[in-house]
Amino acid sequence: MTGNGTGDVAALREEIRRTRVELGETMELLAARADVKALVRHSADQAKARMRQQAALTVARVRGQAAERARLVRAQAYEKSGAVGRNPMPWAAVAAGAVATAVVLLIVRGRRR
């Protein structure tokens, strides 16, 4: 501005334009901070993403544990099947117990009649 009150009109207009742009940007930032729905939606999306990631990690861990346990059970079953084949005595004892149970049941039924 000059001393007599008449300033450069173009410079004033440019300053007003810059001020309006800055004011517009500031208003957009304030509006974004005040948009509660958008903030809640963003937080919910982040929480869902974290839960999905945690679920995927848990599923992977459980599958790994299940596969390891299944391998261990298969190995134990294989060992036991070999032991049963070498020692048939337990199967003979189970068969004898079944026959004895059947005989006792027949005797008890016969006495009830």
PDB file of N, CA and C in Angstrom:
ATOM      1  N   MET A   1       0.832  -1.171   0.000  1.00  0.00           N
ATOM      2  CA  MET A   1       0.000   0.000   0.000  1.00  0.00           C
ATOM      3  C   MET A   1       0.879   1.236   0.000  1.00  0.00           C
ATOM      4  N   THR A   2       0.341   2.232  -0.596  1.00  0.00           N
ATOM      5  CA  THR A   2       1.065   3.509  -0.635  1.00  0.00           C
ATOM      6  C   THR A   2       0.560   4.405   0.474  1.00  0.00           C
ATOM      7  N   GLY A   3       1.224   5.497   0.689  1.00  0.00           N
ATOM      8  CA  GLY A   3       0.877   6.417   1.765  1.00  0.00           C
ATOM      9  C   GLY A   3      -0.466   7.097   1.582  1.00  0.00           C
ATOM     10  N   ASN A   4      -0.949   7.232   0.368  1.00  0.00           N
ATOM     11  CA  ASN A   4      -2.204   7.956   0.148  1.00  0.00           C
ATOM     12  C   ASN A   4      -3.430   7.039   0.216  1.00  0.00           C
ATOM     13  N   GLY A   5      -3.260   5.748   0.573  1.00  0.00           N
ATOM     14  CA  GLY A   5      -4.394   4.850   0.734  1.00  0.00           C
ATOM     15  C   GLY A   5      -4.727   4.055  -0.497  1.00  0.00           C
ATOM     16  N   THR A   6      -4.092   4.316  -1.604  1.00  0.00           N
ATOM     17  CA  THR A   6      -4.354   3.524  -2.801  1.00  0.00           C
ATOM     18  C   THR A   6      -3.244   2.505  -2.923  1.00  0.00           C
ATOM     19  N   GLY A   7      -3.605   1.250  -2.868  1.00  0.00           N
ATOM     20  CA  GLY A   7      -2.600   0.202  -2.947  1.00  0.00           C
ATOM     21  C   GLY A   7      -2.659  -0.512  -4.267  1.00  0.00           C
ATOM     22  N   ASP A   8      -1.799  -1.434  -4.395  1.00  0.00           N
ATOM     23  CA  ASP A   8      -1.768  -2.253  -5.610  1.00  0.00           C
ATOM     24  C   ASP A   8      -2.968  -3.192  -5.566  1.00  0.00           C
ATOM     25  N   VAL A   9      -3.935  -2.996  -6.403  1.00  0.00           N
ATOM     26  CA  VAL A   9      -5.173  -3.762  -6.412  1.00  0.00           C
ATOM     27  C   VAL A   9      -4.895  -5.235  -6.734  1.00  0.00           C
ATOM     28  N   ALA A  10      -4.002  -5.480  -7.660  1.00  0.00           N
ATOM     29  CA  ALA A  10      -3.691  -6.865  -8.042  1.00  0.00           C
ATOM     30  C   ALA A  10      -3.077  -7.623  -6.867  1.00  0.00           C
ATOM     31  N   ALA A  11      -2.196  -6.967  -6.114  1.00  0.00           N
ATOM     32  CA  ALA A  11      -1.573  -7.614  -4.955  1.00  0.00           C
ATOM     33  C   ALA A  11      -2.609  -7.902  -3.886  1.00  0.00           C
ATOM     34  N   LEU A  12      -3.526  -6.981  -3.657  1.00  0.00           N
ATOM     35  CA  LEU A  12      -4.583  -7.200  -2.671  1.00  0.00           C
ATOM     36  C   LEU A  12      -5.483  -8.365  -3.077  1.00  0.00           C
ATOM     37  N   ARG A  13      -5.833  -8.403  -4.349  1.00  0.00           N
ATOM     38  CA  ARG A  13      -6.681  -9.506  -4.838  1.00  0.00           C
ATOM     39  C   ARG A  13      -5.976 -10.854  -4.686  1.00  0.00           C
ATOM     40  N   GLU A  14      -4.685 -10.908  -4.976  1.00  0.00           N
ATOM     41  CA  GLU A  14      -3.912 -12.149  -4.829  1.00  0.00           C
ATOM     42  C   GLU A  14      -3.864 -12.570  -3.364  1.00  0.00           C
ATOM     43  N   GLU A  15      -3.663 -11.609  -2.473  1.00  0.00           N
ATOM     44  CA  GLU A  15      -3.642 -11.929  -1.041  1.00  0.00           C
ATOM     45  C   GLU A  15      -5.004 -12.444  -0.577  1.00  0.00           C
ATOM     46  N   ILE A  16      -6.082 -11.842  -1.058  1.00  0.00           N
ATOM     47  CA  ILE A  16      -7.435 -12.297  -0.720  1.00  0.00           C
ATOM     48  C   ILE A  16      -7.655 -13.717  -1.244  1.00  0.00           C
ATOM     49  N   ARG A  17      -7.189 -13.986  -2.475  1.00  0.00           N
ATOM     50  CA  ARG A  17      -7.340 -15.326  -3.057  1.00  0.00           C
ATOM     51  C   ARG A  17      -6.599 -16.367  -2.214  1.00  0.00           C
ATOM     52  N   ARG A  18      -5.358 -16.043  -1.832  1.00  0.00           N
ATOM     53  CA  ARG A  18      -4.567 -16.974  -1.007  1.00  0.00           C
ATOM     54  C   ARG A  18      -5.246 -17.196   0.345  1.00  0.00           C
ATOM     55  N   THR A  19      -5.757 -16.135   0.915  1.00  0.00           N
ATOM     56  CA  THR A  19      -6.445 -16.249   2.206  1.00  0.00           C
ATOM     57  C   THR A  19      -7.674 -17.140   2.080  1.00  0.00           C
ATOM     58  N   ARG A  20      -8.414 -16.989   1.002  1.00  0.00           N
ATOM     59  CA  ARG A  20      -9.597 -17.828   0.784  1.00  0.00           C
ATOM     60  C   ARG A  20      -9.207 -19.295   0.617  1.00  0.00           C
ATOM     61  N   VAL A  21      -8.135 -19.566  -0.112  1.00  0.00           N
ATOM     62  CA  VAL A  21      -7.678 -20.943  -0.304  1.00  0.00           C
ATOM     63  C   VAL A  21      -7.282 -21.545   1.038  1.00  0.00           C
ATOM     64  N   GLU A  22      -6.504 -20.787   1.820  1.00  0.00           N
ATOM     65  CA  GLU A  22      -6.089 -21.286   3.133  1.00  0.00           C
ATOM     66  C   GLU A  22      -7.292 -21.512   4.038  1.00  0.00           C
ATOM     67  N   LEU A  23      -8.237 -20.595   4.000  1.00  0.00           N
ATOM     68  CA  LEU A  23      -9.448 -20.732   4.802  1.00  0.00           C
ATOM     69  C   LEU A  23     -10.249 -21.966   4.369  1.00  0.00           C
ATOM     70  N   GLY A  24     -10.329 -22.183   3.064  1.00  0.00           N
ATOM     71  CA  GLY A  24     -11.029 -23.366   2.557  1.00  0.00           C
ATOM     72  C   GLY A  24     -10.366 -24.655   3.022  1.00  0.00           C
ATOM     73  N   GLU A  25      -9.031 -24.705   2.976  1.00  0.00           N
ATOM     74  CA  GLU A  25      -8.309 -25.901   3.438  1.00  0.00           C
ATOM     75  C   GLU A  25      -8.522 -26.120   4.928  1.00  0.00           C
ATOM     76  N   THR A  26      -8.479 -25.026   5.688  1.00  0.00           N
ATOM     77  CA  THR A  26      -8.710 -25.130   7.130  1.00  0.00           C
ATOM     78  C   THR A  26     -10.114 -25.641   7.423  1.00  0.00           C
ATOM     79  N   MET A  27     -11.091 -25.159   6.694  1.00  0.00           N
ATOM     80  CA  MET A  27     -12.475 -25.616   6.888  1.00  0.00           C
ATOM     81  C   MET A  27     -12.622 -27.100   6.547  1.00  0.00           C
ATOM     82  N   GLU A  28     -11.941 -27.549   5.489  1.00  0.00           N
ATOM     83  CA  GLU A  28     -11.995 -28.970   5.132  1.00  0.00           C
ATOM     84  C   GLU A  28     -11.403 -29.825   6.234  1.00  0.00           C
ATOM     85  N   LEU A  29     -10.280 -29.386   6.806  1.00  0.00           N
ATOM     86  CA  LEU A  29      -9.672 -30.131   7.908  1.00  0.00           C
ATOM     87  C   LEU A  29     -10.593 -30.177   9.125  1.00  0.00           C
ATOM     88  N   LEU A  30     -11.183 -29.039   9.462  1.00  0.00           N
ATOM     89  CA  LEU A  30     -12.106 -29.005  10.598  1.00  0.00           C
ATOM     90  C   LEU A  30     -13.329 -29.873  10.342  1.00  0.00           C
ATOM     91  N   ALA A  31     -13.831 -29.847   9.124  1.00  0.00           N
ATOM     92  CA  ALA A  31     -14.999 -30.671   8.786  1.00  0.00           C
ATOM     93  C   ALA A  31     -14.652 -32.150   8.878  1.00  0.00           C
ATOM     94  N   ALA A  32     -13.459 -32.515   8.448  1.00  0.00           N
ATOM     95  CA  ALA A  32     -13.048 -33.919   8.521  1.00  0.00           C
ATOM     96  C   ALA A  32     -12.935 -34.370   9.978  1.00  0.00           C
ATOM     97  N   ARG A  33     -12.420 -33.499  10.837  1.00  0.00           N
ATOM     98  CA  ARG A  33     -12.308 -33.848  12.254  1.00  0.00           C
ATOM     99  C   ARG A  33     -13.664 -33.915  12.921  1.00  0.00           C
ATOM    100  N   ALA A  34     -14.612 -33.148  12.452  1.00  0.00           N
ATOM    101  CA  ALA A  34     -15.938 -33.109  13.053  1.00  0.00           C
ATOM    102  C   ALA A  34     -16.854 -34.195  12.488  1.00  0.00           C
ATOM    103  N   ASP A  35     -16.459 -34.880  11.432  1.00  0.00           N
ATOM    104  CA  ASP A  35     -17.287 -35.915  10.813  1.00  0.00           C
ATOM    105  C   ASP A  35     -17.180 -37.198  11.635  1.00  0.00           C
ATOM    106  N   VAL A  36     -18.043 -37.322  12.628  1.00  0.00           N
ATOM    107  CA  VAL A  36     -17.997 -38.437  13.564  1.00  0.00           C
ATOM    108  C   VAL A  36     -18.284 -39.759  12.856  1.00  0.00           C
ATOM    109  N   LYS A  37     -19.241 -39.759  11.934  1.00  0.00           N
ATOM    110  CA  LYS A  37     -19.572 -40.992  11.214  1.00  0.00           C
ATOM    111  C   LYS A  37     -18.353 -41.544  10.484  1.00  0.00           C
ATOM    112  N   ALA A  38     -17.641 -40.661   9.813  1.00  0.00           N
ATOM    113  CA  ALA A  38     -16.464 -41.106   9.068  1.00  0.00           C
ATOM    114  C   ALA A  38     -15.382 -41.615  10.013  1.00  0.00           C
ATOM    115  N   LEU A  39     -15.206 -40.935  11.136  1.00  0.00           N
ATOM    116  CA  LEU A  39     -14.206 -41.379  12.111  1.00  0.00           C
ATOM    117  C   LEU A  39     -14.562 -42.750  12.680  1.00  0.00           C
ATOM    118  N   VAL A  40     -15.834 -42.945  13.022  1.00  0.00           N
ATOM    119  CA  VAL A  40     -16.284 -44.227  13.567  1.00  0.00           C
ATOM    120  C   VAL A  40     -16.148 -45.323  12.517  1.00  0.00           C
ATOM    121  N   ARG A  41     -16.526 -45.017  11.291  1.00  0.00           N
ATOM    122  CA  ARG A  41     -16.413 -45.991  10.206  1.00  0.00           C
ATOM    123  C   ARG A  41     -14.957 -46.395   9.999  1.00  0.00           C
ATOM    124  N   HIS A  42     -14.075 -45.400  10.026  1.00  0.00           N
ATOM    125  CA  HIS A  42     -12.643 -45.676   9.858  1.00  0.00           C
ATOM    126  C   HIS A  42     -12.122 -46.546  11.003  1.00  0.00           C
ATOM    127  N   SER A  43     -12.516 -46.230  12.234  1.00  0.00           N
ATOM    128  CA  SER A  43     -12.100 -47.033  13.392  1.00  0.00           C
ATOM    129  C   SER A  43     -12.645 -48.451  13.294  1.00  0.00           C
ATOM    130  N   ALA A  44     -13.890 -48.584  12.869  1.00  0.00           N
ATOM    131  CA  ALA A  44     -14.491 -49.917  12.728  1.00  0.00           C
ATOM    132  C   ALA A  44     -13.771 -50.714  11.648  1.00  0.00           C
ATOM    133  N   ASP A  45     -13.426 -50.082  10.553  1.00  0.00           N
ATOM    134  CA  ASP A  45     -12.692 -50.771   9.490  1.00  0.00           C
ATOM    135  C   ASP A  45     -11.335 -51.246   9.984  1.00  0.00           C
ATOM    136  N   GLN A  46     -10.664 -50.399  10.753  1.00  0.00           N
ATOM    137  CA  GLN A  46      -9.373 -50.801  11.300  1.00  0.00           C
ATOM    138  C   GLN A  46      -9.526 -51.961  12.273  1.00  0.00           C
ATOM    139  N   ALA A  47     -10.559 -51.920  13.123  1.00  0.00           N
ATOM    140  CA  ALA A  47     -10.800 -53.005  14.079  1.00  0.00           C
ATOM    141  C   ALA A  47     -11.115 -54.306  13.350  1.00  0.00           C
ATOM    142  N   LYS A  48     -11.924 -54.224  12.280  1.00  0.00           N
ATOM    143  CA  LYS A  48     -12.235 -55.427  11.500  1.00  0.00           C
ATOM    144  C   LYS A  48     -10.982 -56.015  10.875  1.00  0.00           C
ATOM    145  N   ALA A  49     -10.140 -55.160  10.355  1.00  0.00           N
ATOM    146  CA  ALA A  49      -8.902 -55.633   9.734  1.00  0.00           C
ATOM    147  C   ALA A  49      -8.020 -56.323  10.767  1.00  0.00           C
ATOM    148  N   ARG A  50      -7.926 -55.733  11.965  1.00  0.00           N
ATOM    149  CA  ARG A  50      -7.123 -56.361  13.028  1.00  0.00           C
ATOM    150  C   ARG A  50      -7.709 -57.701  13.437  1.00  0.00           C
ATOM    151  N   MET A  51      -9.037 -57.781  13.555  1.00  0.00           N
ATOM    152  CA  MET A  51      -9.686 -59.037  13.948  1.00  0.00           C
ATOM    153  C   MET A  51      -9.490 -60.120  12.884  1.00  0.00           C
ATOM    154  N   ARG A  52      -9.607 -59.723  11.616  1.00  0.00           N
ATOM    155  CA  ARG A  52      -9.392 -60.702  10.546  1.00  0.00           C
ATOM    156  C   ARG A  52      -7.969 -61.226  10.557  1.00  0.00           C
ATOM    157  N   GLN A  53      -7.028 -60.328  10.775  1.00  0.00           N
ATOM    158  CA  GLN A  53      -5.621 -60.747  10.823  1.00  0.00           C
ATOM    159  C   GLN A  53      -5.393 -61.674  12.009  1.00  0.00           C
ATOM    160  N   GLN A  54      -5.952 -61.334  13.171  1.00  0.00           N
ATOM    161  CA  GLN A  54      -5.794 -62.179  14.357  1.00  0.00           C
ATOM    162  C   GLN A  54      -6.456 -63.531  14.143  1.00  0.00           C
ATOM    163  N   ALA A  55      -7.630 -63.539  13.511  1.00  0.00           N
ATOM    164  CA  ALA A  55      -8.320 -64.800  13.246  1.00  0.00           C
ATOM    165  C   ALA A  55      -7.501 -65.670  12.296  1.00  0.00           C
ATOM    166  N   ALA A  56      -6.926 -65.064  11.286  1.00  0.00           N
ATOM    167  CA  ALA A  56      -6.107 -65.829  10.342  1.00  0.00           C
ATOM    168  C   ALA A  56      -4.891 -66.431  11.043  1.00  0.00           C
ATOM    169  N   LEU A  57      -4.264 -65.664  11.921  1.00  0.00           N
ATOM    170  CA  LEU A  57      -3.120 -66.190  12.668  1.00  0.00           C
ATOM    171  C   LEU A  57      -3.539 -67.327  13.585  1.00  0.00           C
ATOM    172  N   THR A  58      -4.688 -67.175  14.235  1.00  0.00           N
ATOM    173  CA  THR A  58      -5.176 -68.219  15.138  1.00  0.00           C
ATOM    174  C   THR A  58      -5.518 -69.484  14.367  1.00  0.00           C
ATOM    175  N   VAL A  59      -6.177 -69.341  13.233  1.00  0.00           N
ATOM    176  CA  VAL A  59      -6.519 -70.507  12.411  1.00  0.00           C
ATOM    177  C   VAL A  59      -5.249 -71.226  11.964  1.00  0.00           C
ATOM    178  N   ALA A  60      -4.263 -70.483  11.542  1.00  0.00           N
ATOM    179  CA  ALA A  60      -3.009 -71.091  11.102  1.00  0.00           C
ATOM    180  C   ALA A  60      -2.332 -71.827  12.253  1.00  0.00           C
ATOM    181  N   ARG A  61      -2.333 -71.214  13.436  1.00  0.00           N
ATOM    182  CA  ARG A  61      -1.707 -71.857  14.598  1.00  0.00           C
ATOM    183  C   ARG A  61      -2.447 -73.137  14.979  1.00  0.00           C
ATOM    184  N   VAL A  62      -3.788 -73.083  15.004  1.00  0.00           N
ATOM    185  CA  VAL A  62      -4.578 -74.256  15.379  1.00  0.00           C
ATOM    186  C   VAL A  62      -4.406 -75.373  14.352  1.00  0.00           C
ATOM    187  N   ARG A  63      -4.384 -75.012  13.065  1.00  0.00           N
ATOM    188  CA  ARG A  63      -4.174 -76.041  12.040  1.00  0.00           C
ATOM    189  C   ARG A  63      -2.808 -76.696  12.189  1.00  0.00           C
ATOM    190  N   GLY A  64      -1.815 -75.910  12.495  1.00  0.00           N
ATOM    191  CA  GLY A  64      -0.476 -76.459  12.704  1.00  0.00           C
ATOM    192  C   GLY A  64      -0.448 -77.398  13.891  1.00  0.00           C
ATOM    193  N   GLN A  65      -1.098 -77.003  14.987  1.00  0.00           N
ATOM    194  CA  GLN A  65      -1.149 -77.860  16.169  1.00  0.00           C
ATOM    195  C   GLN A  65      -1.928 -79.138  15.877  1.00  0.00           C
ATOM    196  N   ALA A  66      -3.029 -79.026  15.144  1.00  0.00           N
ATOM    197  CA  ALA A  66      -3.833 -80.207  14.814  1.00  0.00           C
ATOM    198  C   ALA A  66      -3.048 -81.166  13.932  1.00  0.00           C
ATOM    199  N   ALA A  67      -2.318 -80.625  12.979  1.00  0.00           N
ATOM    200  CA  ALA A  67      -1.523 -81.491  12.104  1.00  0.00           C
ATOM    201  C   ALA A  67      -0.436 -82.200  12.903  1.00  0.00           C
ATOM    202  N   GLU A  68       0.177 -81.496  13.828  1.00  0.00           N
ATOM    203  CA  GLU A  68       1.220 -82.102  14.659  1.00  0.00           C
ATOM    204  C   GLU A  68       0.634 -83.195  15.551  1.00  0.00           C
ATOM    205  N   ARG A  69      -0.519 -82.908  16.145  1.00  0.00           N
ATOM    206  CA  ARG A  69      -1.160 -83.917  17.001  1.00  0.00           C
ATOM    207  C   ARG A  69      -1.595 -85.130  16.178  1.00  0.00           C
ATOM    208  N   ALA A  70      -2.126 -84.894  14.988  1.00  0.00           N
ATOM    209  CA  ALA A  70      -2.544 -86.009  14.130  1.00  0.00           C
ATOM    210  C   ALA A  70      -1.341 -86.872  13.767  1.00  0.00           C
ATOM    211  N   ARG A  71      -0.209 -86.240  13.472  1.00  0.00           N
ATOM    212  CA  ARG A  71       0.999 -87.000  13.159  1.00  0.00           C
ATOM    213  C   ARG A  71       1.428 -87.834  14.362  1.00  0.00           C
ATOM    214  N   LEU A  72       1.353 -87.253  15.551  1.00  0.00           N
ATOM    215  CA  LEU A  72       1.740 -87.959  16.770  1.00  0.00           C
ATOM    216  C   LEU A  72       0.806 -89.141  17.032  1.00  0.00           C
ATOM    217  N   VAL A  73      -0.501 -88.936  16.849  1.00  0.00           N
ATOM    218  CA  VAL A  73      -1.469 -90.012  17.068  1.00  0.00           C
ATOM    219  C   VAL A  73      -1.257 -91.138  16.065  1.00  0.00           C
ATOM    220  N   ARG A  74      -0.997 -90.769  14.802  1.00  0.00           N
ATOM    221  CA  ARG A  74      -0.737 -91.807  13.796  1.00  0.00           C
ATOM    222  C   ARG A  74       0.488 -92.637  14.171  1.00  0.00           C
ATOM    223  N   ALA A  75       1.510 -91.943  14.637  1.00  0.00           N
ATOM    224  CA  ALA A  75       2.731 -92.669  15.027  1.00  0.00           C
ATOM    225  C   ALA A  75       2.454 -93.595  16.203  1.00  0.00           C
ATOM    226  N   GLN A  76       1.696 -93.128  17.179  1.00  0.00           N
ATOM    227  CA  GLN A  76       1.362 -93.973  18.324  1.00  0.00           C
ATOM    228  C   GLN A  76       0.485 -95.150  17.909  1.00  0.00           C
ATOM    229  N   ALA A  77      -0.473 -94.913  17.020  1.00  0.00           N
ATOM    230  CA  ALA A  77      -1.339 -95.998  16.552  1.00  0.00           C
ATOM    231  C   ALA A  77      -0.523 -97.046  15.803  1.00  0.00           C
ATOM    232  N   TYR A  78       0.428 -96.576  15.016  1.00  0.00           N
ATOM    233  CA  TYR A  78       1.280 -97.521  14.293  1.00  0.00           C
ATOM    234  C   TYR A  78       2.095 -98.361  15.268  1.00  0.00           C
ATOM    235  N   GLU A  79       2.628 -97.719  16.303  1.00  0.00           N
ATOM    236  CA  GLU A  79       3.393 -98.454  17.302  1.00  0.00           C
ATOM    237  C   GLU A  79       2.511 -99.469  18.026  1.00  0.00           C
ATOM    238  N   LYS A  80       1.288 -99.061  18.385  1.00  0.00           N
ATOM    239  CA  LYS A  80       0.376 -99.962  19.106  1.00  0.00           C
ATOM    240  C   LYS A  80      -0.071-101.114  18.219  1.00  0.00           C
ATOM    241  N   SER A  81      -0.293-100.849  16.939  1.00  0.00           N
ATOM    242  CA  SER A  81      -0.726-101.934  16.050  1.00  0.00           C
ATOM    243  C   SER A  81       0.356-102.978  15.927  1.00  0.00           C
ATOM    244  N   GLY A  82       1.587-102.561  15.916  1.00  0.00           N
ATOM    245  CA  GLY A  82       2.687-103.526  15.886  1.00  0.00           C
ATOM    246  C   GLY A  82       2.749-104.328  17.170  1.00  0.00           C
ATOM    247  N   ALA A  83       2.487-103.684  18.307  1.00  0.00           N
ATOM    248  CA  ALA A  83       2.518-104.389  19.594  1.00  0.00           C
ATOM    249  C   ALA A  83       1.384-105.399  19.678  1.00  0.00           C
ATOM    250  N   VAL A  84       0.207-105.076  19.184  1.00  0.00           N
ATOM    251  CA  VAL A  84      -0.926-106.008  19.217  1.00  0.00           C
ATOM    252  C   VAL A  84      -0.644-107.204  18.319  1.00  0.00           C
ATOM    253  N   GLY A  85      -0.041-106.962  17.196  1.00  0.00           N
ATOM    254  CA  GLY A  85       0.287-108.064  16.293  1.00  0.00           C
ATOM    255  C   GLY A  85       1.305-109.025  16.910  1.00  0.00           C
ATOM    256  N   ARG A  86       2.220-108.516  17.694  1.00  0.00           N
ATOM    257  CA  ARG A  86       3.229-109.357  18.337  1.00  0.00           C
ATOM    258  C   ARG A  86       2.687-110.037  19.576  1.00  0.00           C
ATOM    259  N   ASN A  87       1.699-109.441  20.254  1.00  0.00           N
ATOM    260  CA  ASN A  87       1.185-109.990  21.505  1.00  0.00           C
ATOM    261  C   ASN A  87      -0.333-110.087  21.423  1.00  0.00           C
ATOM    262  N   PRO A  88      -0.881-111.212  20.984  1.00  0.00           N
ATOM    263  CA  PRO A  88      -2.331-111.360  20.837  1.00  0.00           C
ATOM    264  C   PRO A  88      -3.051-111.591  22.162  1.00  0.00           C
ATOM    265  N   MET A  89      -2.342-111.703  23.261  1.00  0.00           N
ATOM    266  CA  MET A  89      -2.957-111.983  24.559  1.00  0.00           C
ATOM    267  C   MET A  89      -4.040-110.974  24.946  1.00  0.00           C
ATOM    268  N   PRO A  90      -3.856-109.674  24.802  1.00  0.00           N
ATOM    269  CA  PRO A  90      -4.936-108.756  25.182  1.00  0.00           C
ATOM    270  C   PRO A  90      -6.227-109.006  24.398  1.00  0.00           C
ATOM    271  N   TRP A  91      -6.124-109.344  23.128  1.00  0.00           N
ATOM    272  CA  TRP A  91      -7.332-109.619  22.342  1.00  0.00           C
ATOM    273  C   TRP A  91      -8.015-110.884  22.831  1.00  0.00           C
ATOM    274  N   ALA A  92      -7.241-111.873  23.225  1.00  0.00           N
ATOM    275  CA  ALA A  92      -7.832-113.103  23.759  1.00  0.00           C
ATOM    276  C   ALA A  92      -8.547-112.805  25.071  1.00  0.00           C
ATOM    277  N   ALA A  93      -7.991-111.930  25.890  1.00  0.00           N
ATOM    278  CA  ALA A  93      -8.621-111.577  27.155  1.00  0.00           C
ATOM    279  C   ALA A  93      -9.919-110.819  26.908  1.00  0.00           C
ATOM    280  N   VAL A  94      -9.943-109.928  25.935  1.00  0.00           N
ATOM    281  CA  VAL A  94     -11.161-109.188  25.599  1.00  0.00           C
ATOM    282  C   VAL A  94     -12.227-110.151  25.091  1.00  0.00           C
ATOM    283  N   ALA A  95     -11.848-111.086  24.261  1.00  0.00           N
ATOM    284  CA  ALA A  95     -12.809-112.062  23.725  1.00  0.00           C
ATOM    285  C   ALA A  95     -13.361-112.932  24.853  1.00  0.00           C
ATOM    286  N   ALA A  96     -12.490-113.378  25.756  1.00  0.00           N
ATOM    287  CA  ALA A  96     -12.940-114.199  26.879  1.00  0.00           C
ATOM    288  C   ALA A  96     -13.894-113.406  27.767  1.00  0.00           C
ATOM    289  N   GLY A  97     -13.618-112.126  27.991  1.00  0.00           N
ATOM    290  CA  GLY A  97     -14.500-111.290  28.794  1.00  0.00           C
ATOM    291  C   GLY A  97     -15.859-111.125  28.133  1.00  0.00           C
ATOM    292  N   ALA A  98     -15.864-110.981  26.822  1.00  0.00           N
ATOM    293  CA  ALA A  98     -17.131-110.847  26.105  1.00  0.00           C
ATOM    294  C   ALA A  98     -17.953-112.124  26.213  1.00  0.00           C
ATOM    295  N   VAL A  99     -17.310-113.267  26.074  1.00  0.00           N
ATOM    296  CA  VAL A  99     -18.024-114.546  26.188  1.00  0.00           C
ATOM    297  C   VAL A  99     -18.569-114.707  27.597  1.00  0.00           C
ATOM    298  N   ALA A 100     -17.774-114.371  28.603  1.00  0.00           N
ATOM    299  CA  ALA A 100     -18.224-114.503  29.989  1.00  0.00           C
ATOM    300  C   ALA A 100     -19.409-113.580  30.253  1.00  0.00           C
ATOM    301  N   THR A 101     -19.374-112.382  29.728  1.00  0.00           N
ATOM    302  CA  THR A 101     -20.487-111.446  29.902  1.00  0.00           C
ATOM    303  C   THR A 101     -21.752-111.991  29.255  1.00  0.00           C
ATOM    304  N   ALA A 102     -21.623-112.544  28.074  1.00  0.00           N
ATOM    305  CA  ALA A 102     -22.789-113.111  27.386  1.00  0.00           C
ATOM    306  C   ALA A 102     -23.371-114.275  28.185  1.00  0.00           C
ATOM    307  N   VAL A 103     -22.529-115.123  28.737  1.00  0.00           N
ATOM    308  CA  VAL A 103     -23.012-116.271  29.525  1.00  0.00           C
ATOM    309  C   VAL A 103     -23.733-115.773  30.765  1.00  0.00           C
ATOM    310  N   VAL A 104     -23.174-114.797  31.464  1.00  0.00           N
ATOM    311  CA  VAL A 104     -23.818-114.275  32.669  1.00  0.00           C
ATOM    312  C   VAL A 104     -25.169-113.672  32.319  1.00  0.00           C
ATOM    313  N   LEU A 105     -25.256-112.928  31.229  1.00  0.00           N
ATOM    314  CA  LEU A 105     -26.536-112.338  30.820  1.00  0.00           C
ATOM    315  C   LEU A 105     -27.566-113.419  30.507  1.00  0.00           C
ATOM    316  N   LEU A 106     -27.160-114.489  29.856  1.00  0.00           N
ATOM    317  CA  LEU A 106     -28.097-115.581  29.559  1.00  0.00           C
ATOM    318  C   LEU A 106     -28.579-116.259  30.829  1.00  0.00           C
ATOM    319  N   ILE A 107     -27.696-116.428  31.787  1.00  0.00           N
ATOM    320  CA  ILE A 107     -28.086-117.061  33.057  1.00  0.00           C
ATOM    321  C   ILE A 107     -29.067-116.164  33.809  1.00  0.00           C
ATOM    322  N   VAL A 108     -28.782-114.850  33.853  1.00  0.00           N
ATOM    323  CA  VAL A 108     -29.667-113.924  34.564  1.00  0.00           C
ATOM    324  C   VAL A 108     -31.030-113.880  33.889  1.00  0.00           C
ATOM    325  N   ARG A 109     -31.087-113.889  32.591  1.00  0.00           N
ATOM    326  CA  ARG A 109     -32.372-113.901  31.887  1.00  0.00           C
ATOM    327  C   ARG A 109     -33.144-115.182  32.153  1.00  0.00           C
ATOM    328  N   GLY A 110     -32.419-116.272  32.187  1.00  0.00           N
ATOM    329  CA  GLY A 110     -33.086-117.560  32.436  1.00  0.00           C
ATOM    330  C   GLY A 110     -33.708-117.616  33.827  1.00  0.00           C
ATOM    331  N   ARG A 111     -33.126-116.996  34.800  1.00  0.00           N
ATOM    332  CA  ARG A 111     -33.647-117.028  36.163  1.00  0.00           C
ATOM    333  C   ARG A 111     -34.874-116.112  36.295  1.00  0.00           C
ATOM    334  N   ARG A 112     -34.961-115.094  35.496  1.00  0.00           N
ATOM    335  CA  ARG A 112     -36.095-114.175  35.573  1.00  0.00           C
ATOM    336  C   ARG A 112     -37.371-114.808  35.015  1.00  0.00           C
ATOM    337  N   ARG A 113     -37.258-115.771  34.185  1.00  0.00           N
ATOM    338  CA  ARG A 113     -38.448-116.377  33.548  1.00  0.00           C
ATOM    339  C   ARG A 113     -39.056-117.405  34.387  1.00  0.00           C
TER     340      ARG A 113
END
